[in-house]
Structures are given as C-alpha cells and as structure tokens.
Amino acid sequence: MKFKVTNQQHISKNCLVCGIENPFGLKTKFYELENKEVVAYFTPHTYLQSYPGILHGGISATILDETIGRAIMAHYGQDKFGMTIELNVKYKKPVPLDVELKVVGRITLDKGRIFEGTGELILPDGEVAVSATGRYMKRDVNQIVENDFIEDEWFESDGKERDEIDV
C-alpha cells in the first residue's frame, strides 16, 4: 500500500545510523508517512559483513532500534526522540549487502513518557528479514545532547526526495 511522505527527518554528522560524515555509518535517510509510520532507507556495505555477503545481525538490530525510536517524531516533531529501554529482535532471513534496504517503524502504544513500537527490515523483494519490538523513553533532543549538537550537527537531510512510499 502506498502512503504519502509528509516529512523527511533530520540527520547528523557522526551518528552510526544517519551520520553523513561517519566513514563506517549507514547514512540512512528517514521519511515520515501520512499514517505516522517512519521508513528508513540504507545500503549496507561489505565492512558491515558477518558471514560472507550477509549483514551483521547487530547492525540489523541497530537500524531497527533507530527507526522505531524515531517513530515518535512522526507524532511529536523533530525535537522528540526515543531512548531505548528494551529491544527484542527476531531474525528470519539473511540480509544481503550492497542493496538498498527499507526499514519501517511505528508506535503501537504511547503512555506518557514511555512508548512501545514495532519495526521490520524489508528485503528488496518485499520479504521481512528481521523484525523487532521495543520500549522507549520519550525525550526531548535537548535532554540528550548539548546545544552545540542541535546547532552544528542536527540538520535537514539532503537525501533523495520521495513523494510516496510503498509499505
């Protein structure tokens, strides 16, 4: 099902997941959809390998954790973030390297300071390779980082524009 993109989320310089200046980073771009889900796109490279040609499971967990944690922004704006309390990951299929992958995250329960969410890492053929559920503490970005970070390292993504995303 196709959904309209309503916003492209901020990224940073050095984050492992979204940092554009991190030489080992995933350089992920995040999009908010009209249904309040967040979709991330990234292409894992060989230096993130586990078994030959396969993405390391810890990186799959990392991208799911980040995407679910960012889903709160689709509800409260760029100044909110989720800090992980608990993450449960299920590995279903090997994740290949050097192809663009999609990750979808959503909020399933929002209870004041705590929220819960789910997410899936989706292969190019549409199959779910990895899924996760998590619990997060809702935080203002200002509570997590110094003001210099917001001014110097938290900025709009210049990634590929997408008007609609098939989920």
Foldseek 3Di string as FASTA:
>chain_A
DKFFFDAKFWAWQDDQECHPPHPNHFNKTWTATPVLKIKIKGAAADVQDDPVQFGDPVVVQVVFVQRQQCSVCSVVNRFKTWDFPDKDKDFAATAGGGDMKMKMKHWDADDPQKTKIKMFIAHPVGDTGMIMITMTGMDGNVVVDPPCCVVHIIGGDPDDDDGMDDD
